[in-house]
């Protein structure tokens, strides 16, 4: 069954989550779709549906960028969930090149880490 396409009747924004590995980028992406699914602005996309490649599941990290779509009352969003691991910065840069804006995710427990700085530069 094909995924329904969003009608582009609203201004469009490409947004993404960036930050250090294991700081919660994919969890935040899943949470955004969960909250917006309650108002009809998205289809809930669970964490394990975002990081769905076998290697991502085995290692518990995002390796390639993942895409979800959602909308609010005023805008349509294409959201890119970027990898945070140092070995996959190239994949993060590829995803970030498409973004109009980004959400920098930093763990409250760990604080800023090496990839945090790399991602914002």
N, C-alpha and C. Protein backbone atom coordinates (compact mmCIF):
# COMPACT_ATOMS: atom_id res chain seq x y z
N UNK A 1 0.84 -1.18 0.00
CA UNK A 1 0.00 0.00 0.00
C UNK A 1 0.89 1.24 0.00
N UNK A 2 0.69 2.13 -0.91
CA UNK A 2 1.50 3.33 -1.03
C UNK A 2 1.17 4.33 0.07
N UNK A 3 2.21 5.03 0.49
CA UNK A 3 2.05 6.06 1.51
C UNK A 3 1.35 7.26 0.88
N UNK A 4 0.37 7.83 1.57
CA UNK A 4 -0.36 8.99 1.04
C UNK A 4 0.58 10.19 0.95
N UNK A 5 0.48 10.92 -0.12
CA UNK A 5 1.29 12.13 -0.31
C UNK A 5 0.61 13.30 0.38
N UNK A 6 1.42 14.17 0.99
CA UNK A 6 0.88 15.38 1.55
C UNK A 6 0.54 16.33 0.41
N UNK A 7 -0.58 17.01 0.51
CA UNK A 7 -0.91 18.03 -0.48
C UNK A 7 -0.12 19.28 -0.12
N UNK A 8 0.53 19.85 -1.10
CA UNK A 8 1.36 21.02 -0.85
C UNK A 8 0.53 22.30 -0.96
N UNK A 9 -0.34 22.51 0.00
CA UNK A 9 -1.15 23.72 0.03
C UNK A 9 -0.62 24.72 1.05
N UNK A 10 0.42 24.34 1.77
CA UNK A 10 1.00 25.18 2.82
C UNK A 10 2.46 25.44 2.49
N UNK A 11 3.04 26.49 3.09
CA UNK A 11 4.48 26.71 2.90
C UNK A 11 5.26 25.47 3.37
N UNK A 12 6.31 25.14 2.64
CA UNK A 12 7.11 23.94 2.92
C UNK A 12 8.42 24.31 3.60
N UNK A 13 8.85 23.48 4.54
CA UNK A 13 10.11 23.70 5.25
C UNK A 13 10.84 22.37 5.41
N UNK A 14 12.11 22.33 5.03
CA UNK A 14 12.95 21.15 5.26
C UNK A 14 13.68 21.36 6.59
N UNK A 15 13.46 20.47 7.52
CA UNK A 15 14.01 20.59 8.87
C UNK A 15 14.71 19.28 9.22
N UNK A 16 15.62 19.32 10.16
CA UNK A 16 16.29 18.08 10.55
C UNK A 16 16.78 18.11 11.98
N UNK A 17 17.12 16.93 12.48
CA UNK A 17 17.71 16.80 13.80
C UNK A 17 19.18 16.47 13.64
N UNK A 18 20.03 17.22 14.35
CA UNK A 18 21.47 17.01 14.31
C UNK A 18 21.99 16.99 15.74
N UNK A 19 23.17 16.41 15.94
CA UNK A 19 23.79 16.37 17.26
C UNK A 19 24.62 15.11 17.44
N UNK A 20 25.20 14.98 18.61
CA UNK A 20 26.09 13.87 18.95
C UNK A 20 25.34 12.54 18.96
N UNK A 21 26.06 11.45 18.73
CA UNK A 21 25.47 10.11 18.75
C UNK A 21 24.83 9.83 20.12
N UNK A 22 23.68 9.19 20.10
CA UNK A 22 22.95 8.78 21.31
C UNK A 22 22.42 9.93 22.16
N UNK A 23 22.24 11.09 21.58
CA UNK A 23 21.68 12.20 22.34
C UNK A 23 20.17 12.34 22.17
N UNK A 24 19.54 11.52 21.32
CA UNK A 24 18.09 11.51 21.24
C UNK A 24 17.48 12.07 19.98
N UNK A 25 18.25 12.18 18.91
CA UNK A 25 17.73 12.75 17.66
C UNK A 25 16.59 11.91 17.09
N UNK A 26 16.78 10.61 17.02
CA UNK A 26 15.74 9.73 16.47
C UNK A 26 14.55 9.65 17.42
N UNK A 27 14.80 9.64 18.72
CA UNK A 27 13.70 9.64 19.70
C UNK A 27 12.86 10.90 19.56
N UNK A 28 13.51 12.05 19.37
CA UNK A 28 12.77 13.30 19.19
C UNK A 28 11.96 13.27 17.90
N UNK A 29 12.55 12.76 16.83
CA UNK A 29 11.84 12.66 15.55
C UNK A 29 10.59 11.81 15.71
N UNK A 30 10.72 10.66 16.37
CA UNK A 30 9.57 9.78 16.60
C UNK A 30 8.53 10.48 17.47
N UNK A 31 8.97 11.21 18.49
CA UNK A 31 8.05 11.91 19.39
C UNK A 31 7.27 13.01 18.65
N UNK A 32 7.93 13.72 17.75
CA UNK A 32 7.24 14.75 16.97
C UNK A 32 6.12 14.12 16.15
N UNK A 33 6.40 13.00 15.50
CA UNK A 33 5.34 12.36 14.70
C UNK A 33 4.24 11.82 15.59
N UNK A 34 4.58 11.36 16.79
CA UNK A 34 3.57 10.84 17.73
C UNK A 34 2.61 11.95 18.15
N UNK A 35 3.15 13.08 18.56
CA UNK A 35 2.32 14.21 19.01
C UNK A 35 1.46 14.73 17.86
N UNK A 36 2.05 14.90 16.68
CA UNK A 36 1.29 15.43 15.55
C UNK A 36 0.30 14.42 14.99
N UNK A 37 0.53 13.13 15.20
CA UNK A 37 -0.43 12.11 14.76
C UNK A 37 -1.74 12.25 15.53
N UNK A 38 -1.67 12.73 16.76
CA UNK A 38 -2.87 12.91 17.57
C UNK A 38 -3.79 14.00 17.02
N UNK A 39 -3.23 14.93 16.25
CA UNK A 39 -4.03 16.00 15.66
C UNK A 39 -4.23 15.81 14.16
N UNK A 40 -3.76 14.68 13.64
CA UNK A 40 -3.92 14.40 12.21
C UNK A 40 -2.86 15.02 11.33
N UNK A 41 -1.80 15.56 11.92
CA UNK A 41 -0.76 16.22 11.14
C UNK A 41 0.36 15.31 10.68
N UNK A 42 0.29 14.03 11.07
CA UNK A 42 1.36 13.09 10.70
C UNK A 42 0.87 11.67 10.89
N UNK A 43 1.63 10.76 10.34
CA UNK A 43 1.47 9.35 10.64
C UNK A 43 2.56 9.03 11.65
N UNK A 44 2.20 8.43 12.78
CA UNK A 44 3.21 8.11 13.79
C UNK A 44 4.26 7.19 13.19
N UNK A 45 5.52 7.58 13.34
CA UNK A 45 6.65 6.77 12.89
C UNK A 45 7.47 6.42 14.12
N UNK A 46 7.44 5.17 14.52
CA UNK A 46 8.15 4.72 15.71
C UNK A 46 9.66 4.73 15.49
N UNK A 47 10.39 4.75 16.60
CA UNK A 47 11.86 4.76 16.57
C UNK A 47 12.40 3.65 15.67
N UNK A 48 11.86 2.43 15.84
CA UNK A 48 12.39 1.30 15.06
C UNK A 48 11.99 1.34 13.59
N UNK A 49 11.06 2.22 13.23
CA UNK A 49 10.73 2.41 11.82
C UNK A 49 11.64 3.46 11.19
N UNK A 50 12.21 4.33 12.01
CA UNK A 50 13.12 5.36 11.51
C UNK A 50 14.51 4.74 11.30
N UNK A 51 15.03 4.07 12.33
CA UNK A 51 16.31 3.35 12.21
C UNK A 51 15.98 1.91 11.86
N UNK A 52 15.71 1.66 10.58
CA UNK A 52 15.18 0.35 10.20
C UNK A 52 16.17 -0.57 9.49
N UNK A 53 17.33 -0.07 9.09
CA UNK A 53 18.31 -0.94 8.44
C UNK A 53 18.85 -1.95 9.45
N UNK A 54 19.13 -3.17 9.02
CA UNK A 54 19.61 -4.20 9.96
C UNK A 54 20.84 -3.76 10.76
N UNK A 55 21.79 -3.09 10.11
CA UNK A 55 22.99 -2.65 10.84
C UNK A 55 22.64 -1.58 11.87
N UNK A 56 21.70 -0.69 11.54
CA UNK A 56 21.28 0.33 12.49
C UNK A 56 20.64 -0.32 13.71
N UNK A 57 19.80 -1.32 13.49
CA UNK A 57 19.16 -2.02 14.60
C UNK A 57 20.18 -2.77 15.44
N UNK A 58 21.13 -3.44 14.78
CA UNK A 58 22.14 -4.22 15.50
C UNK A 58 23.05 -3.34 16.35
N UNK A 59 23.43 -2.18 15.81
CA UNK A 59 24.36 -1.30 16.52
C UNK A 59 23.67 -0.25 17.36
N UNK A 60 22.36 -0.06 17.14
CA UNK A 60 21.62 0.93 17.93
C UNK A 60 21.96 2.36 17.60
N UNK A 61 22.41 2.62 16.37
CA UNK A 61 22.74 3.99 15.95
C UNK A 61 22.16 4.25 14.56
N UNK A 62 22.00 5.54 14.25
CA UNK A 62 21.57 5.93 12.91
C UNK A 62 22.80 5.99 12.02
N UNK A 63 22.72 5.35 10.86
CA UNK A 63 23.84 5.34 9.91
C UNK A 63 23.52 6.21 8.70
N UNK A 64 22.34 6.04 8.14
CA UNK A 64 21.95 6.85 6.99
C UNK A 64 20.81 7.78 7.41
N UNK A 65 20.63 8.84 6.65
CA UNK A 65 19.56 9.77 6.98
C UNK A 65 18.21 9.10 6.75
N UNK A 66 17.25 9.47 7.58
CA UNK A 66 15.88 8.97 7.43
C UNK A 66 14.96 10.18 7.26
N UNK A 67 13.88 9.99 6.53
CA UNK A 67 12.98 11.10 6.23
C UNK A 67 11.57 10.79 6.74
N UNK A 68 10.95 11.78 7.38
CA UNK A 68 9.53 11.70 7.75
C UNK A 68 8.89 13.01 7.34
N UNK A 69 7.58 12.99 7.16
CA UNK A 69 6.84 14.21 6.82
C UNK A 69 5.74 14.43 7.83
N UNK A 70 5.48 15.70 8.10
CA UNK A 70 4.38 16.05 8.98
C UNK A 70 3.96 17.48 8.67
N UNK A 71 2.85 17.88 9.27
CA UNK A 71 2.39 19.25 9.05
C UNK A 71 1.74 19.79 10.31
N UNK A 72 1.79 21.11 10.41
CA UNK A 72 1.09 21.83 11.47
C UNK A 72 -0.01 22.62 10.79
N UNK A 73 -0.69 23.43 11.55
CA UNK A 73 -1.78 24.22 10.98
C UNK A 73 -1.27 25.17 9.89
N UNK A 74 -0.03 25.63 10.03
CA UNK A 74 0.49 26.64 9.10
C UNK A 74 1.54 26.17 8.10
N UNK A 75 2.19 25.02 8.35
CA UNK A 75 3.30 24.60 7.49
C UNK A 75 3.32 23.09 7.26
N UNK A 76 3.99 22.72 6.16
CA UNK A 76 4.30 21.31 5.87
C UNK A 76 5.80 21.14 6.09
N UNK A 77 6.20 20.05 6.72
CA UNK A 77 7.61 19.80 7.02
C UNK A 77 8.08 18.48 6.43
N UNK A 78 9.27 18.51 5.85
CA UNK A 78 10.00 17.29 5.51
C UNK A 78 11.15 17.26 6.51
N UNK A 79 11.20 16.23 7.33
CA UNK A 79 12.15 16.15 8.44
C UNK A 79 13.21 15.09 8.13
N UNK A 80 14.47 15.47 8.25
CA UNK A 80 15.59 14.57 8.02
C UNK A 80 16.20 14.24 9.38
N UNK A 81 16.23 12.96 9.74
CA UNK A 81 16.89 12.51 10.97
C UNK A 81 18.31 12.10 10.59
N UNK A 82 19.29 12.88 11.03
CA UNK A 82 20.67 12.68 10.62
C UNK A 82 21.45 11.82 11.61
N UNK A 83 22.45 11.07 11.12
CA UNK A 83 23.30 10.30 12.03
C UNK A 83 24.21 11.23 12.83
N UNK A 84 24.56 10.81 14.05
CA UNK A 84 25.44 11.63 14.88
C UNK A 84 26.82 11.03 15.07
N UNK A 85 27.00 9.76 14.74
CA UNK A 85 28.27 9.09 14.95
C UNK A 85 29.35 9.69 14.06
N UNK A 86 30.55 9.84 14.60
CA UNK A 86 31.66 10.47 13.86
C UNK A 86 31.95 9.77 12.54
N UNK A 87 31.76 8.44 12.49
CA UNK A 87 32.04 7.70 11.26
C UNK A 87 31.06 8.02 10.13
N UNK A 88 29.94 8.65 10.46
CA UNK A 88 28.89 8.90 9.47
C UNK A 88 28.61 10.38 9.27
N UNK A 89 29.59 11.24 9.58
CA UNK A 89 29.42 12.68 9.41
C UNK A 89 29.13 13.02 7.95
N UNK A 90 29.73 12.27 7.01
CA UNK A 90 29.46 12.51 5.58
C UNK A 90 27.96 12.36 5.30
N UNK A 91 27.32 11.33 5.87
CA UNK A 91 25.88 11.14 5.68
C UNK A 91 25.10 12.29 6.31
N UNK A 92 25.56 12.79 7.46
CA UNK A 92 24.90 13.91 8.11
C UNK A 92 24.98 15.16 7.24
N UNK A 93 26.15 15.40 6.66
CA UNK A 93 26.33 16.59 5.81
C UNK A 93 25.42 16.50 4.58
N UNK A 94 25.30 15.32 4.01
CA UNK A 94 24.41 15.12 2.86
C UNK A 94 22.98 15.48 3.23
N UNK A 95 22.52 15.03 4.39
CA UNK A 95 21.17 15.35 4.85
C UNK A 95 21.01 16.82 5.18
N UNK A 96 22.03 17.41 5.81
CA UNK A 96 21.95 18.81 6.22
C UNK A 96 21.92 19.76 5.04
N UNK A 97 22.50 19.35 3.92
CA UNK A 97 22.53 20.21 2.73
C UNK A 97 21.12 20.51 2.22
N UNK A 98 20.17 19.66 2.56
CA UNK A 98 18.79 19.84 2.11
C UNK A 98 17.95 20.66 3.09
N UNK A 99 18.50 21.00 4.26
CA UNK A 99 17.71 21.62 5.32
C UNK A 99 17.59 23.13 5.21
N UNK A 100 16.40 23.63 5.57
CA UNK A 100 16.19 25.06 5.75
C UNK A 100 16.54 25.46 7.18
N UNK A 101 16.41 24.52 8.10
CA UNK A 101 16.70 24.75 9.50
C UNK A 101 16.96 23.43 10.20
N UNK A 102 17.52 23.50 11.40
CA UNK A 102 17.85 22.28 12.13
C UNK A 102 17.50 22.41 13.60
N UNK A 103 17.26 21.26 14.22
CA UNK A 103 17.06 21.17 15.66
C UNK A 103 18.33 20.52 16.20
N UNK A 104 19.10 21.26 16.99
CA UNK A 104 20.31 20.71 17.59
C UNK A 104 19.91 20.01 18.88
N UNK A 105 20.13 18.69 18.93
CA UNK A 105 19.75 17.89 20.09
C UNK A 105 21.00 17.64 20.94
N UNK A 106 20.93 18.03 22.23
CA UNK A 106 22.03 17.83 23.17
C UNK A 106 21.46 17.15 24.41
N UNK A 107 22.07 16.05 24.82
CA UNK A 107 21.64 15.34 26.01
C UNK A 107 21.83 16.21 27.24
N UNK A 108 20.79 16.30 28.07
CA UNK A 108 20.89 17.05 29.32
C UNK A 108 21.88 16.37 30.27
N UNK A 109 21.99 15.05 30.18
CA UNK A 109 22.90 14.31 31.06
C UNK A 109 24.36 14.47 30.64
N UNK A 110 24.63 14.45 29.33
CA UNK A 110 26.01 14.49 28.84
C UNK A 110 26.51 15.89 28.51
N UNK A 111 25.62 16.77 28.12
CA UNK A 111 26.02 18.09 27.67
C UNK A 111 26.64 18.03 26.29
N UNK A 112 27.19 19.15 25.80
CA UNK A 112 27.79 19.18 24.47
C UNK A 112 28.97 18.20 24.37
N UNK A 113 29.07 17.53 23.23
CA UNK A 113 30.12 16.55 22.98
C UNK A 113 30.82 16.89 21.66
N UNK A 114 31.88 16.14 21.29
CA UNK A 114 32.64 16.49 20.07
C UNK A 114 31.80 16.68 18.81
N UNK A 115 30.86 15.77 18.53
CA UNK A 115 30.07 15.91 17.30
C UNK A 115 29.08 17.07 17.38
N UNK A 116 28.75 17.52 18.59
CA UNK A 116 27.86 18.67 18.73
C UNK A 116 28.49 19.87 18.02
N UNK A 117 29.74 20.11 18.31
CA UNK A 117 30.45 21.24 17.69
C UNK A 117 30.59 21.03 16.18
N UNK A 118 30.94 19.83 15.75
CA UNK A 118 31.09 19.55 14.32
C UNK A 118 29.79 19.79 13.57
N UNK A 119 28.69 19.40 14.15
CA UNK A 119 27.40 19.53 13.47
C UNK A 119 26.97 20.98 13.31
N UNK A 120 27.31 21.84 14.27
CA UNK A 120 26.87 23.23 14.14
C UNK A 120 27.81 24.07 13.30
N UNK A 121 29.00 23.57 13.02
CA UNK A 121 29.92 24.31 12.15
C UNK A 121 29.59 23.97 10.73
